[in-house]
Amino acid sequence: EAIYNKYQEFAIPEEEAEWVGLSLEEAIEKQ
């Protein structure tokens, strides 16, 4: 819990985190 609270300011919804850093080809395949 201490580690998660330490970096809590960077937390975003899981639906958005799944797409971070994907190339366009990877995103198309995921979609």
PDB file of all heavy atoms in Angstrom:
ATOM      1  N   GLU A   1       0.822  -1.205   0.000  1.00  0.00           N
ATOM      2  CA  GLU A   1       0.000   0.000   0.000  1.00  0.00           C
ATOM      3  C   GLU A   1       0.857   1.257   0.000  1.00  0.00           C
ATOM      4  O   GLU A   1       0.491   2.264  -0.621  1.00  0.00           O
ATOM      5  CB  GLU A   1      -0.933  -0.006   1.210  1.00  0.00           C
ATOM      6  CG  GLU A   1      -2.033  -1.036   1.120  1.00  0.00           C
ATOM      7  CD  GLU A   1      -2.910  -0.836  -0.104  1.00  0.00           C
ATOM      8  OE1 GLU A   1      -3.230   0.332  -0.400  1.00  0.00           O
ATOM      9  OE2 GLU A   1      -3.262  -1.834  -0.760  1.00  0.00           O
ATOM     10  N   ALA A   2       2.002   1.209   0.687  1.00  0.00           N
ATOM     11  CA  ALA A   2       2.895   2.370   0.708  1.00  0.00           C
ATOM     12  C   ALA A   2       3.437   2.662  -0.693  1.00  0.00           C
ATOM     13  O   ALA A   2       3.537   3.832  -1.099  1.00  0.00           O
ATOM     14  CB  ALA A   2       4.042   2.130   1.688  1.00  0.00           C
ATOM     15  N   ILE A   3       3.764   1.623  -1.448  1.00  0.00           N
ATOM     16  CA  ILE A   3       4.280   1.811  -2.814  1.00  0.00           C
ATOM     17  C   ILE A   3       3.183   2.353  -3.722  1.00  0.00           C
ATOM     18  O   ILE A   3       3.408   3.294  -4.498  1.00  0.00           O
ATOM     19  CB  ILE A   3       4.844   0.483  -3.354  1.00  0.00           C
ATOM     20  CG1 ILE A   3       6.101   0.090  -2.585  1.00  0.00           C
ATOM     21  CG2 ILE A   3       5.142   0.598  -4.846  1.00  0.00           C
ATOM     22  CD1 ILE A   3       6.672  -1.255  -2.996  1.00  0.00           C
ATOM     23  N   TYR A   4       1.978   1.800  -3.622  1.00  0.00           N
ATOM     24  CA  TYR A   4       0.887   2.275  -4.470  1.00  0.00           C
ATOM     25  C   TYR A   4       0.524   3.722  -4.136  1.00  0.00           C
ATOM     26  O   TYR A   4       0.220   4.520  -5.035  1.00  0.00           O
ATOM     27  CB  TYR A   4      -0.339   1.378  -4.310  1.00  0.00           C
ATOM     28  CG  TYR A   4      -0.188   0.026  -4.981  1.00  0.00           C
ATOM     29  CD1 TYR A   4      -0.811  -1.108  -4.475  1.00  0.00           C
ATOM     30  CD2 TYR A   4       0.572  -0.115  -6.141  1.00  0.00           C
ATOM     31  CE1 TYR A   4      -0.679  -2.339  -5.098  1.00  0.00           C
ATOM     32  CE2 TYR A   4       0.717  -1.327  -6.754  1.00  0.00           C
ATOM     33  CZ  TYR A   4       0.086  -2.451  -6.235  1.00  0.00           C
ATOM     34  OH  TYR A   4       0.229  -3.664  -6.859  1.00  0.00           O
ATOM     35  N   ASN A   5       0.551   4.073  -2.884  1.00  0.00           N
ATOM     36  CA  ASN A   5       0.250   5.453  -2.495  1.00  0.00           C
ATOM     37  C   ASN A   5       1.352   6.413  -2.940  1.00  0.00           C
ATOM     38  O   ASN A   5       1.089   7.584  -3.234  1.00  0.00           O
ATOM     39  CB  ASN A   5       0.051   5.543  -0.990  1.00  0.00           C
ATOM     40  CG  ASN A   5      -1.193   4.790  -0.529  1.00  0.00           C
ATOM     41  OD1 ASN A   5      -2.139   4.616  -1.296  1.00  0.00           O
ATOM     42  ND2 ASN A   5      -1.188   4.334   0.710  1.00  0.00           N
ATOM     43  N   LYS A   6       2.574   5.924  -2.990  1.00  0.00           N
ATOM     44  CA  LYS A   6       3.705   6.762  -3.397  1.00  0.00           C
ATOM     45  C   LYS A   6       3.564   7.228  -4.845  1.00  0.00           C
ATOM     46  O   LYS A   6       3.927   8.363  -5.189  1.00  0.00           O
ATOM     47  CB  LYS A   6       5.014   5.981  -3.209  1.00  0.00           C
ATOM     48  CG  LYS A   6       6.269   6.732  -3.603  1.00  0.00           C
ATOM     49  CD  LYS A   6       7.501   5.879  -3.360  1.00  0.00           C
ATOM     50  CE  LYS A   6       8.784   6.602  -3.767  1.00  0.00           C
ATOM     51  NZ  LYS A   6       9.990   5.749  -3.537  1.00  0.00           N
ATOM     52  N   TYR A   7       3.023   6.353  -5.697  1.00  0.00           N
ATOM     53  CA  TYR A   7       2.897   6.663  -7.130  1.00  0.00           C
ATOM     54  C   TYR A   7       1.431   6.878  -7.530  1.00  0.00           C
ATOM     55  O   TYR A   7       1.089   6.774  -8.712  1.00  0.00           O
ATOM     56  CB  TYR A   7       3.485   5.527  -7.969  1.00  0.00           C
ATOM     57  CG  TYR A   7       4.944   5.248  -7.691  1.00  0.00           C
ATOM     58  CD1 TYR A   7       5.328   4.235  -6.816  1.00  0.00           C
ATOM     59  CD2 TYR A   7       5.940   6.010  -8.283  1.00  0.00           C
ATOM     60  CE1 TYR A   7       6.660   3.980  -6.554  1.00  0.00           C
ATOM     61  CE2 TYR A   7       7.273   5.762  -8.037  1.00  0.00           C
ATOM     62  CZ  TYR A   7       7.631   4.745  -7.161  1.00  0.00           C
ATOM     63  OH  TYR A   7       8.955   4.503  -6.900  1.00  0.00           O
ATOM     64  N   GLN A   8       0.581   7.190  -6.572  1.00  0.00           N
ATOM     65  CA  GLN A   8      -0.842   7.339  -6.842  1.00  0.00           C
ATOM     66  C   GLN A   8      -1.139   8.474  -7.813  1.00  0.00           C
ATOM     67  O   GLN A   8      -2.117   8.440  -8.562  1.00  0.00           O
ATOM     68  CB  GLN A   8      -1.601   7.549  -5.538  1.00  0.00           C
ATOM     69  CG  GLN A   8      -3.112   7.576  -5.679  1.00  0.00           C
ATOM     70  CD  GLN A   8      -3.674   6.289  -6.236  1.00  0.00           C
ATOM     71  OE1 GLN A   8      -3.117   5.200  -5.998  1.00  0.00           O
ATOM     72  NE2 GLN A   8      -4.757   6.381  -7.003  1.00  0.00           N
ATOM     73  N   GLU A   9      -0.295   9.500  -7.844  1.00  0.00           N
ATOM     74  CA  GLU A   9      -0.553  10.650  -8.711  1.00  0.00           C
ATOM     75  C   GLU A   9      -0.497  10.289 -10.188  1.00  0.00           C
ATOM     76  O   GLU A   9      -1.046  11.012 -11.033  1.00  0.00           O
ATOM     77  CB  GLU A   9       0.465  11.754  -8.418  1.00  0.00           C
ATOM     78  CG  GLU A   9       1.914  11.329  -8.656  1.00  0.00           C
ATOM     79  CD  GLU A   9       2.891  12.458  -8.415  1.00  0.00           C
ATOM     80  OE1 GLU A   9       2.720  13.517  -9.052  1.00  0.00           O
ATOM     81  OE2 GLU A   9       3.812  12.281  -7.599  1.00  0.00           O
ATOM     82  N   PHE A  10       0.147   9.181 -10.530  1.00  0.00           N
ATOM     83  CA  PHE A  10       0.262   8.770 -11.929  1.00  0.00           C
ATOM     84  C   PHE A  10      -0.813   7.770 -12.327  1.00  0.00           C
ATOM     85  O   PHE A  10      -0.864   7.379 -13.498  1.00  0.00           O
ATOM     86  CB  PHE A  10       1.635   8.145 -12.190  1.00  0.00           C
ATOM     87  CG  PHE A  10       2.798   9.042 -11.836  1.00  0.00           C
ATOM     88  CD1 PHE A  10       3.513   8.839 -10.671  1.00  0.00           C
ATOM     89  CD2 PHE A  10       3.156  10.089 -12.661  1.00  0.00           C
ATOM     90  CE1 PHE A  10       4.575   9.652 -10.342  1.00  0.00           C
ATOM     91  CE2 PHE A  10       4.215  10.917 -12.344  1.00  0.00           C
ATOM     92  CZ  PHE A  10       4.926  10.703 -11.180  1.00  0.00           C
ATOM     93  N   ALA A  11      -1.654   7.345 -11.391  1.00  0.00           N
ATOM     94  CA  ALA A  11      -2.652   6.317 -11.682  1.00  0.00           C
ATOM     95  C   ALA A  11      -3.719   6.860 -12.628  1.00  0.00           C
ATOM     96  O   ALA A  11      -4.176   7.990 -12.491  1.00  0.00           O
ATOM     97  CB  ALA A  11      -3.292   5.822 -10.387  1.00  0.00           C
ATOM     98  N   ILE A  12      -4.090   6.046 -13.597  1.00  0.00           N
ATOM     99  CA  ILE A  12      -5.151   6.365 -14.549  1.00  0.00           C
ATOM    100  C   ILE A  12      -6.067   5.149 -14.636  1.00  0.00           C
ATOM    101  O   ILE A  12      -5.703   4.049 -14.200  1.00  0.00           O
ATOM    102  CB  ILE A  12      -4.588   6.722 -15.942  1.00  0.00           C
ATOM    103  CG1 ILE A  12      -3.780   5.551 -16.512  1.00  0.00           C
ATOM    104  CG2 ILE A  12      -3.726   7.974 -15.874  1.00  0.00           C
ATOM    105  CD1 ILE A  12      -3.282   5.792 -17.920  1.00  0.00           C
ATOM    106  N   PRO A  13      -7.280   5.299 -15.195  1.00  0.00           N
ATOM    107  CA  PRO A  13      -8.171   4.135 -15.321  1.00  0.00           C
ATOM    108  C   PRO A  13      -7.525   3.004 -16.113  1.00  0.00           C
ATOM    109  O   PRO A  13      -6.724   3.225 -17.021  1.00  0.00           O
ATOM    110  CB  PRO A  13      -9.392   4.709 -16.042  1.00  0.00           C
ATOM    111  CG  PRO A  13      -9.373   6.173 -15.735  1.00  0.00           C
ATOM    112  CD  PRO A  13      -7.933   6.547 -15.631  1.00  0.00           C
ATOM    113  N   GLU A  14      -7.893   1.800 -15.750  1.00  0.00           N
ATOM    114  CA  GLU A  14      -7.309   0.627 -16.408  1.00  0.00           C
ATOM    115  C   GLU A  14      -7.625   0.615 -17.899  1.00  0.00           C
ATOM    116  O   GLU A  14      -6.800   0.162 -18.713  1.00  0.00           O
ATOM    117  CB  GLU A  14      -7.838  -0.645 -15.740  1.00  0.00           C
ATOM    118  CG  GLU A  14      -7.264  -1.925 -16.317  1.00  0.00           C
ATOM    119  CD  GLU A  14      -7.792  -3.162 -15.620  1.00  0.00           C
ATOM    120  OE1 GLU A  14      -8.467  -3.002 -14.579  1.00  0.00           O
ATOM    121  OE2 GLU A  14      -7.538  -4.277 -16.126  1.00  0.00           O
ATOM    122  N   GLU A  15      -8.819   1.119 -18.280  1.00  0.00           N
ATOM    123  CA  GLU A  15      -9.190   1.131 -19.697  1.00  0.00           C
ATOM    124  C   GLU A  15      -8.239   1.995 -20.522  1.00  0.00           C
ATOM    125  O   GLU A  15      -8.015   1.717 -21.704  1.00  0.00           O
ATOM    126  CB  GLU A  15     -10.624   1.639 -19.870  1.00  0.00           C
ATOM    127  CG  GLU A  15     -11.682   0.740 -19.244  1.00  0.00           C
ATOM    128  CD  GLU A  15     -11.739   0.873 -17.731  1.00  0.00           C
ATOM    129  OE1 GLU A  15     -11.121   1.843 -17.221  1.00  0.00           O
ATOM    130  OE2 GLU A  15     -12.359   0.032 -17.070  1.00  0.00           O
ATOM    131  N   GLU A  16      -7.691   3.042 -19.928  1.00  0.00           N
ATOM    132  CA  GLU A  16      -6.729   3.882 -20.638  1.00  0.00           C
ATOM    133  C   GLU A  16      -5.318   3.323 -20.546  1.00  0.00           C
ATOM    134  O   GLU A  16      -4.539   3.426 -21.495  1.00  0.00           O
ATOM    135  CB  GLU A  16      -6.762   5.304 -20.066  1.00  0.00           C
ATOM    136  CG  GLU A  16      -8.077   6.027 -20.261  1.00  0.00           C
ATOM    137  CD  GLU A  16      -8.018   7.458 -19.762  1.00  0.00           C
ATOM    138  OE1 GLU A  16      -6.895   7.963 -19.562  1.00  0.00           O
ATOM    139  OE2 GLU A  16      -9.080   8.065 -19.548  1.00  0.00           O
ATOM    140  N   ALA A  17      -4.973   2.750 -19.398  1.00  0.00           N
ATOM    141  CA  ALA A  17      -3.619   2.230 -19.216  1.00  0.00           C
ATOM    142  C   ALA A  17      -3.309   1.103 -20.194  1.00  0.00           C
ATOM    143  O   ALA A  17      -2.150   0.920 -20.596  1.00  0.00           O
ATOM    144  CB  ALA A  17      -3.438   1.748 -17.779  1.00  0.00           C
ATOM    145  N   GLU A  18      -4.331   0.338 -20.593  1.00  0.00           N
ATOM    146  CA  GLU A  18      -4.108  -0.773 -21.516  1.00  0.00           C
ATOM    147  C   GLU A  18      -3.610  -0.319 -22.884  1.00  0.00           C
ATOM    148  O   GLU A  18      -3.008  -1.110 -23.617  1.00  0.00           O
ATOM    149  CB  GLU A  18      -5.400  -1.574 -21.689  1.00  0.00           C
ATOM    150  CG  GLU A  18      -5.840  -2.335 -20.450  1.00  0.00           C
ATOM    151  CD  GLU A  18      -7.137  -3.079 -20.674  1.00  0.00           C
ATOM    152  OE1 GLU A  18      -7.806  -2.762 -21.684  1.00  0.00           O
ATOM    153  OE2 GLU A  18      -7.469  -3.956 -19.867  1.00  0.00           O
ATOM    154  N   TRP A  19      -3.865   0.938 -23.241  1.00  0.00           N
ATOM    155  CA  TRP A  19      -3.521   1.430 -24.579  1.00  0.00           C
ATOM    156  C   TRP A  19      -2.264   2.287 -24.586  1.00  0.00           C
ATOM    157  O   TRP A  19      -1.800   2.704 -25.664  1.00  0.00           O
ATOM    158  CB  TRP A  19      -4.686   2.242 -25.141  1.00  0.00           C
ATOM    159  CG  TRP A  19      -5.927   1.436 -25.332  1.00  0.00           C
ATOM    160  CD1 TRP A  19      -6.876   1.153 -24.403  1.00  0.00           C
ATOM    161  CD2 TRP A  19      -6.349   0.781 -26.535  1.00  0.00           C
ATOM    162  NE1 TRP A  19      -7.867   0.378 -24.937  1.00  0.00           N
ATOM    163  CE2 TRP A  19      -7.571   0.143 -26.247  1.00  0.00           C
ATOM    164  CE3 TRP A  19      -5.830   0.708 -27.820  1.00  0.00           C
ATOM    165  CZ2 TRP A  19      -8.268  -0.582 -27.210  1.00  0.00           C
ATOM    166  CZ3 TRP A  19      -6.528  -0.005 -28.780  1.00  0.00           C
ATOM    167  CH2 TRP A  19      -7.727  -0.638 -28.472  1.00  0.00           C
ATOM    168  N   VAL A  20      -1.682   2.564 -23.442  1.00  0.00           N
ATOM    169  CA  VAL A  20      -0.511   3.448 -23.369  1.00  0.00           C
ATOM    170  C   VAL A  20       0.676   2.770 -24.042  1.00  0.00           C
ATOM    171  O   VAL A  20       1.006   1.619 -23.752  1.00  0.00           O
ATOM    172  CB  VAL A  20      -0.174   3.778 -21.904  1.00  0.00           C
ATOM    173  CG1 VAL A  20       1.161   4.516 -21.820  1.00  0.00           C
ATOM    174  CG2 VAL A  20      -1.278   4.616 -21.281  1.00  0.00           C
ATOM    175  N   GLY A  21       1.329   3.490 -24.937  1.00  0.00           N
ATOM    176  CA  GLY A  21       2.549   3.001 -25.552  1.00  0.00           C
ATOM    177  C   GLY A  21       2.373   2.021 -26.685  1.00  0.00           C
ATOM    178  O   GLY A  21       3.367   1.551 -27.253  1.00  0.00           O
ATOM    179  N   LEU A  22       1.138   1.697 -27.060  1.00  0.00           N
ATOM    180  CA  LEU A  22       0.933   0.765 -28.169  1.00  0.00           C
ATOM    181  C   LEU A  22       1.179   1.460 -29.493  1.00  0.00           C
ATOM    182  O   LEU A  22       0.771   2.609 -29.693  1.00  0.00           O
ATOM    183  CB  LEU A  22      -0.496   0.214 -28.141  1.00  0.00           C
ATOM    184  CG  LEU A  22      -0.893  -0.695 -26.971  1.00  0.00           C
ATOM    185  CD1 LEU A  22      -2.331  -1.133 -27.139  1.00  0.00           C
ATOM    186  CD2 LEU A  22       0.017  -1.899 -26.872  1.00  0.00           C
ATOM    187  N   SER A  23       1.845   0.763 -30.401  1.00  0.00           N
ATOM    188  CA  SER A  23       1.984   1.288 -31.753  1.00  0.00           C
ATOM    189  C   SER A  23       0.626   1.186 -32.456  1.00  0.00           C
ATOM    190  O   SER A  23      -0.290   0.503 -31.991  1.00  0.00           O
ATOM    191  CB  SER A  23       3.038   0.505 -32.530  1.00  0.00           C
ATOM    192  OG  SER A  23       2.640  -0.842 -32.686  1.00  0.00           O
ATOM    193  N   LEU A  24       0.493   1.860 -33.595  1.00  0.00           N
ATOM    194  CA  LEU A  24      -0.784   1.839 -34.313  1.00  0.00           C
ATOM    195  C   LEU A  24      -1.134   0.428 -34.747  1.00  0.00           C
ATOM    196  O   LEU A  24      -2.306   0.024 -34.679  1.00  0.00           O
ATOM    197  CB  LEU A  24      -0.708   2.776 -35.520  1.00  0.00           C
ATOM    198  CG  LEU A  24      -2.005   2.926 -36.331  1.00  0.00           C
ATOM    199  CD1 LEU A  24      -3.140   3.423 -35.430  1.00  0.00           C
ATOM    200  CD2 LEU A  24      -1.807   3.874 -37.500  1.00  0.00           C
ATOM    201  N   GLU A  25      -0.150  -0.344 -35.177  1.00  0.00           N
ATOM    202  CA  GLU A  25      -0.424  -1.722 -35.600  1.00  0.00           C
ATOM    203  C   GLU A  25      -0.895  -2.563 -34.409  1.00  0.00           C
ATOM    204  O   GLU A  25      -1.822  -3.376 -34.535  1.00  0.00           O
ATOM    205  CB  GLU A  25       0.834  -2.337 -36.216  1.00  0.00           C
ATOM    206  CG  GLU A  25       1.212  -1.769 -37.572  1.00  0.00           C
ATOM    207  CD  GLU A  25       1.790  -0.364 -37.482  1.00  0.00           C
ATOM    208  OE1 GLU A  25       2.199   0.021 -36.357  1.00  0.00           O
ATOM    209  OE2 GLU A  25       1.814   0.343 -38.501  1.00  0.00           O
ATOM    210  N   GLU A  26      -0.264  -2.380 -33.247  1.00  0.00           N
ATOM    211  CA  GLU A  26      -0.690  -3.129 -32.062  1.00  0.00           C
ATOM    212  C   GLU A  26      -2.088  -2.714 -31.621  1.00  0.00           C
ATOM    213  O   GLU A  26      -2.893  -3.550 -31.197  1.00  0.00           O
ATOM    214  CB  GLU A  26       0.314  -2.906 -30.931  1.00  0.00           C
ATOM    215  CG  GLU A  26       1.685  -3.509 -31.184  1.00  0.00           C
ATOM    216  CD  GLU A  26       2.690  -3.138 -30.119  1.00  0.00           C
ATOM    217  OE1 GLU A  26       2.471  -2.127 -29.419  1.00  0.00           O
ATOM    218  OE2 GLU A  26       3.692  -3.855 -29.980  1.00  0.00           O
ATOM    219  N   ALA A  27      -2.381  -1.412 -31.703  1.00  0.00           N
ATOM    220  CA  ALA A  27      -3.710  -0.937 -31.306  1.00  0.00           C
ATOM    221  C   ALA A  27      -4.789  -1.470 -32.249  1.00  0.00           C
ATOM    222  O   ALA A  27      -5.883  -1.843 -31.801  1.00  0.00           O
ATOM    223  CB  ALA A  27      -3.729   0.588 -31.293  1.00  0.00           C
ATOM    224  N   ILE A  28      -4.500  -1.530 -33.548  1.00  0.00           N
ATOM    225  CA  ILE A  28      -5.475  -2.063 -34.506  1.00  0.00           C
ATOM    226  C   ILE A  28      -5.742  -3.536 -34.214  1.00  0.00           C
ATOM    227  O   ILE A  28      -6.892  -4.004 -34.245  1.00  0.00           O
ATOM    228  CB  ILE A  28      -4.968  -1.853 -35.943  1.00  0.00           C
ATOM    229  CG1 ILE A  28      -4.988  -0.362 -36.299  1.00  0.00           C
ATOM    230  CG2 ILE A  28      -5.808  -2.645 -36.937  1.00  0.00           C
ATOM    231  CD1 ILE A  28      -4.397  -0.049 -37.654  1.00  0.00           C
ATOM    232  N   GLU A  29      -4.692  -4.301 -33.936  1.00  0.00           N
ATOM    233  CA  GLU A  29      -4.879  -5.714 -33.630  1.00  0.00           C
ATOM    234  C   GLU A  29      -5.664  -5.901 -32.337  1.00  0.00           C
ATOM    235  O   GLU A  29      -6.531  -6.776 -32.244  1.00  0.00           O
ATOM    236  CB  GLU A  29      -3.510  -6.404 -33.525  1.00  0.00           C
ATOM    237  CG  GLU A  29      -3.566  -7.883 -33.196  1.00  0.00           C
ATOM    238  CD  GLU A  29      -4.242  -8.709 -34.275  1.00  0.00           C
ATOM    239  OE1 GLU A  29      -4.384  -8.210 -35.411  1.00  0.00           O
ATOM    240  OE2 GLU A  29      -4.635  -9.854 -33.973  1.00  0.00           O
ATOM    241  N   LYS A  30      -5.396  -5.057 -31.337  1.00  0.00           N
ATOM    242  CA  LYS A  30      -6.136  -5.137 -30.085  1.00  0.00           C
ATOM    243  C   LYS A  30      -7.618  -4.816 -30.306  1.00  0.00           C
ATOM    244  O   LYS A  30      -8.499  -5.508 -29.774  1.00  0.00           O
ATOM    245  CB  LYS A  30      -5.533  -4.167 -29.074  1.00  0.00           C
ATOM    246  CG  LYS A  30      -6.187  -4.166 -27.691  1.00  0.00           C
ATOM    247  CD  LYS A  30      -5.503  -3.185 -26.767  1.00  0.00           C
ATOM    248  CE  LYS A  30      -6.166  -3.164 -25.404  1.00  0.00           C
ATOM    249  NZ  LYS A  30      -6.011  -4.444 -24.684  1.00  0.00           N
ATOM    250  N   GLN A  31      -7.893  -3.780 -31.093  1.00  0.00           N
ATOM    251  CA  GLN A  31      -9.280  -3.425 -31.390  1.00  0.00           C
ATOM    252  C   GLN A  31      -9.972  -4.525 -32.192  1.00  0.00           C
ATOM    253  O   GLN A  31     -11.158  -4.821 -31.969  1.00  0.00           O
ATOM    254  CB  GLN A  31      -9.324  -2.104 -32.157  1.00  0.00           C
ATOM    255  CG  GLN A  31     -10.708  -1.578 -32.463  1.00  0.00           C
ATOM    256  CD  GLN A  31     -11.449  -1.151 -31.216  1.00  0.00           C
ATOM    257  OE1 GLN A  31     -10.846  -0.878 -30.194  1.00  0.00           O
ATOM    258  NE2 GLN A  31     -12.771  -1.074 -31.311  1.00  0.00           N
TER     259      GLN A  31
END
